[in-house]
Protein backbone atom coordinates (compact mmCIF):
# COMPACT_ATOMS: atom_id res chain seq x y z
CA MET A 1 -4.43 0.74 -15.69
CA VAL A 2 -7.77 0.54 -17.46
CA HIS A 3 -11.03 0.72 -15.54
CA LEU A 4 -14.26 -0.30 -17.22
CA GLN A 5 -17.68 0.19 -15.69
CA ASN A 6 -18.84 -2.91 -13.90
CA ARG A 7 -22.45 -3.53 -14.69
CA SER A 8 -22.85 -7.19 -13.74
CA HIS A 9 -19.56 -8.96 -13.03
CA THR A 10 -18.24 -10.42 -9.78
CA PRO A 11 -14.71 -11.38 -8.74
CA LYS A 12 -15.51 -14.93 -9.88
CA ASP A 13 -15.40 -13.54 -13.45
CA ALA A 14 -11.87 -12.09 -13.13
CA THR A 15 -10.05 -14.93 -14.90
CA ALA A 16 -12.54 -15.15 -17.77
CA LEU A 17 -12.38 -11.36 -18.18
CA LEU A 18 -8.58 -11.53 -18.26
CA TYR A 19 -8.66 -14.07 -21.09
CA LYS A 20 -11.27 -12.03 -22.97
CA ALA A 21 -9.18 -8.86 -22.63
CA ARG A 22 -6.07 -10.62 -23.91
CA GLU A 23 -8.04 -11.93 -26.87
CA LEU A 24 -9.37 -8.45 -27.69
CA VAL A 25 -6.10 -6.52 -27.50
CA GLY A 26 -3.81 -8.90 -29.36
CA ARG A 27 -0.19 -9.84 -28.78
CA LYS A 28 1.40 -6.40 -28.66
CA VAL A 29 -0.34 -5.35 -25.45
CA ILE A 30 0.35 -7.11 -22.17
CA VAL A 31 -2.68 -7.61 -19.94
CA ARG A 32 -1.10 -8.81 -16.70
CA ASP A 33 -4.08 -9.04 -14.43
CA SER A 34 -7.76 -8.34 -14.00
CA ARG A 35 -9.71 -7.46 -10.90
CA VAL A 36 -13.43 -6.94 -10.34
CA SER A 37 -14.84 -4.53 -7.77
CA LYS A 38 -18.44 -3.44 -7.41
CA LYS A 39 -17.73 -0.34 -9.53
CA TYR A 40 -15.01 -1.44 -11.92
CA ILE A 41 -13.45 -4.12 -14.04
CA GLU A 42 -9.76 -3.29 -13.78
CA PHE A 43 -7.02 -4.38 -16.17
CA ASP A 44 -3.33 -3.98 -15.40
CA THR A 45 -1.78 -3.42 -18.82
CA SER A 46 1.43 -2.45 -20.60
CA VAL A 47 1.16 -0.66 -23.90
CA PRO A 48 4.11 -0.69 -26.34
CA ASP A 49 5.81 2.59 -27.19
CA GLY A 50 4.04 4.32 -30.02
CA MET A 51 0.65 2.77 -29.33
CA ASP A 52 -2.11 5.14 -28.34
CA ALA A 53 -3.68 4.08 -25.06
CA ALA A 54 -7.04 5.20 -26.42
CA ASP A 55 -6.84 2.32 -28.92
CA LEU A 56 -6.44 -0.12 -26.04
CA VAL A 57 -9.39 1.37 -24.19
CA ASP A 58 -11.50 1.21 -27.37
CA LYS A 59 -10.75 -2.50 -27.76
CA LEU A 60 -11.56 -3.26 -24.13
CA ALA A 61 -14.84 -1.34 -24.44
CA ALA A 62 -16.22 -4.49 -26.09
CA ILE A 63 -16.33 -5.91 -22.55
CA SER A 64 -17.95 -2.90 -20.87
CA PRO A 65 -17.97 0.89 -21.24
CA PRO A 66 -14.75 2.63 -20.18
CA ALA A 67 -14.60 4.42 -16.84
CA SER A 68 -10.98 5.63 -16.79
CA TYR A 69 -7.45 4.99 -17.96
CA GLU A 70 -4.33 5.95 -16.05
CA HIS A 71 -0.69 5.48 -16.90
CA ILE A 72 0.79 4.31 -13.59
CA VAL A 73 4.19 5.72 -12.80
CA GLU A 74 5.81 6.28 -9.46
CA ARG A 75 4.87 9.80 -8.51
CA HIS A 76 6.66 11.75 -5.86
CA MET A 77 4.05 13.58 -3.80
CA ASP A 78 4.40 15.15 -0.42
CA LYS A 79 3.15 12.96 2.41
CA ASP A 80 -0.18 14.72 3.00
CA ASN A 81 -1.15 14.65 -0.68
CA ALA A 82 -0.04 11.03 -1.10
CA ILE A 83 -2.16 9.93 1.87
CA LYS A 84 -5.14 11.99 0.70
CA ARG A 85 -4.83 10.50 -2.79
CA ALA A 86 -4.51 6.97 -1.38
CA VAL A 87 -7.69 7.39 0.68
CA GLU A 88 -9.57 8.65 -2.39
CA LEU A 89 -8.36 5.68 -4.44
CA PHE A 90 -9.12 3.17 -1.68
CA ASN A 91 -12.63 4.55 -1.22
CA ASP A 92 -13.18 4.42 -5.00
CA GLU A 93 -12.32 0.69 -4.97
CA LYS A 94 -8.98 1.27 -6.71
CA TYR A 95 -7.02 -0.74 -4.17
CA TRP A 96 -3.95 -1.43 -6.28
CA GLU A 97 -3.47 2.27 -6.95
CA ALA A 98 -4.07 3.11 -3.26
CA HIS A 99 -1.36 0.62 -2.32
CA GLU A 100 1.03 2.24 -4.81
CA ALA A 101 0.23 5.77 -3.57
CA LEU A 102 1.11 4.83 0.02
CA GLU A 103 4.26 2.91 -0.75
CA SER A 104 6.64 5.88 -0.89
CA VAL A 105 5.20 7.33 2.33
CA TRP A 106 5.57 3.95 4.06
CA LYS A 107 9.20 3.62 2.95
CA GLY A 108 10.06 6.90 4.69
CA ALA A 109 8.07 6.26 7.87
CA ALA A 110 9.12 4.77 11.19
CA GLY A 111 7.55 3.31 14.32
CA THR A 112 3.78 3.50 14.78
CA GLU A 113 3.31 5.50 11.58
CA LYS A 114 5.08 2.79 9.58
CA ASN A 115 2.82 0.12 11.16
CA ILE A 116 -0.34 2.10 10.34
CA LEU A 117 0.75 2.64 6.75
CA ASN A 118 1.80 -0.98 6.36
CA GLY A 119 -1.55 -2.09 7.79
CA ILE A 120 -3.49 0.03 5.29
CA ILE A 121 -1.27 -1.12 2.41
CA LEU A 122 -1.91 -4.74 3.44
CA ILE A 123 -5.68 -4.14 3.56
CA ALA A 124 -5.54 -2.70 0.04
CA ALA A 125 -3.47 -5.69 -1.11
CA ALA A 126 -5.94 -8.07 0.52
CA PHE A 127 -8.85 -6.42 -1.27
CA VAL A 128 -6.95 -6.73 -4.58
CA HIS A 129 -6.92 -10.49 -4.01
CA ASP A 130 -10.62 -10.46 -3.12
CA GLU A 131 -11.28 -8.74 -6.46
CA LYS A 132 -9.65 -11.76 -8.11
CA ASP A 133 -11.81 -14.22 -6.13
CA GLU A 134 -8.84 -15.26 -3.99
CA GLY A 135 -10.60 -15.21 -0.63
CA GLU A 136 -8.12 -17.34 1.28
CA ILE A 137 -5.22 -15.14 0.22
CA CYS A 138 -7.26 -12.05 1.13
CA LEU A 139 -7.94 -13.38 4.63
CA SER A 140 -4.30 -14.33 5.10
CA ILE A 141 -3.15 -10.83 4.19
CA LEU A 142 -5.81 -9.30 6.45
CA GLN A 143 -4.30 -11.33 9.32
CA ARG A 144 -0.99 -9.59 8.65
CA ALA A 145 -2.73 -6.20 8.49
CA LYS A 146 -4.42 -6.89 11.82
CA LYS A 147 -1.04 -7.55 13.46
CA LYS A 148 0.33 -4.27 12.12
CA LEU A 149 -2.68 -2.30 13.37
CA GLU A 150 -3.02 -3.99 16.80
CA SER A 151 -0.43 -1.80 18.45
CA THR A 152 -1.79 1.41 16.96
CA GLY A 153 -4.97 3.41 17.37
CA GLY A 154 -6.44 6.84 17.21
CA GLU A 155 -6.59 8.87 14.06
CA TYR A 156 -4.02 9.17 11.30
CA HIS A 157 -4.52 11.87 8.66
CA GLY A 158 -8.29 11.66 9.10
CA ILE A 159 -8.32 7.85 9.07
CA ASN A 160 -9.83 6.28 12.19
CA VAL A 161 -7.32 3.49 12.68
CA GLU A 162 -9.32 1.79 15.45
CA VAL A 163 -12.39 1.55 13.23
CA ILE A 164 -10.51 -0.06 10.34
CA ALA A 165 -8.70 -2.43 12.71
CA ASP A 166 -12.09 -3.45 14.11
CA ARG A 167 -13.49 -4.01 10.60
CA VAL A 168 -10.50 -6.19 9.71
CA SER A 169 -10.99 -8.22 12.91
CA LYS A 170 -14.68 -8.75 12.12
CA ILE A 171 -13.86 -9.98 8.62
CA ILE A 172 -11.24 -12.39 9.97
CA ASN A 173 -13.51 -13.68 12.74
CA SER A 174 -16.48 -14.21 10.41
CA GLY A 175 -14.47 -15.45 7.42
CA ARG A 176 -16.75 -13.29 5.25
CA ILE A 177 -14.96 -10.62 3.27
CA LYS A 178 -16.75 -7.31 3.18
CA ARG A 179 -14.77 -4.46 1.67
CA PHE A 180 -15.09 -1.09 3.36
CA THR A 181 -14.05 2.54 3.01
CA ILE A 182 -11.57 4.37 5.14
């Protein structure tokens, strides 16, 4: 995952940025997707064995200065650290990575905890679609998140579940997507 600094782009630019990235890196690198947050232009990439990821980042720097690069692999963290990491990623507008960090915790959860985790994962997934200028998909996924969070409440690992459920409801009711922190 490559993150470039976002100095002027909006989610409406995601497709054009994807095509530009593919043009810059050539055929050996796969650029699957692009997303645009307020802070970052994010590219989901696969680099062939033997290629230095720094070369990829250097090529993409023609679009905007690099912010970070991370090789995404499924990491096994204990629950507390995985949730803490997911919150950090979510609040840093790295929604795809937040979703990935919570997935293993969600798989092992049950009952209310599983609903809370699924709700947060769905919010992150919705915001990924908003970063690609897919507002209708974002709102649809937020509807699913709302249903998961409706039967929950209180606090979960420092996350005020009622507050995020209320924010999701406000977005759905207004039809205006406004990303938030948890």
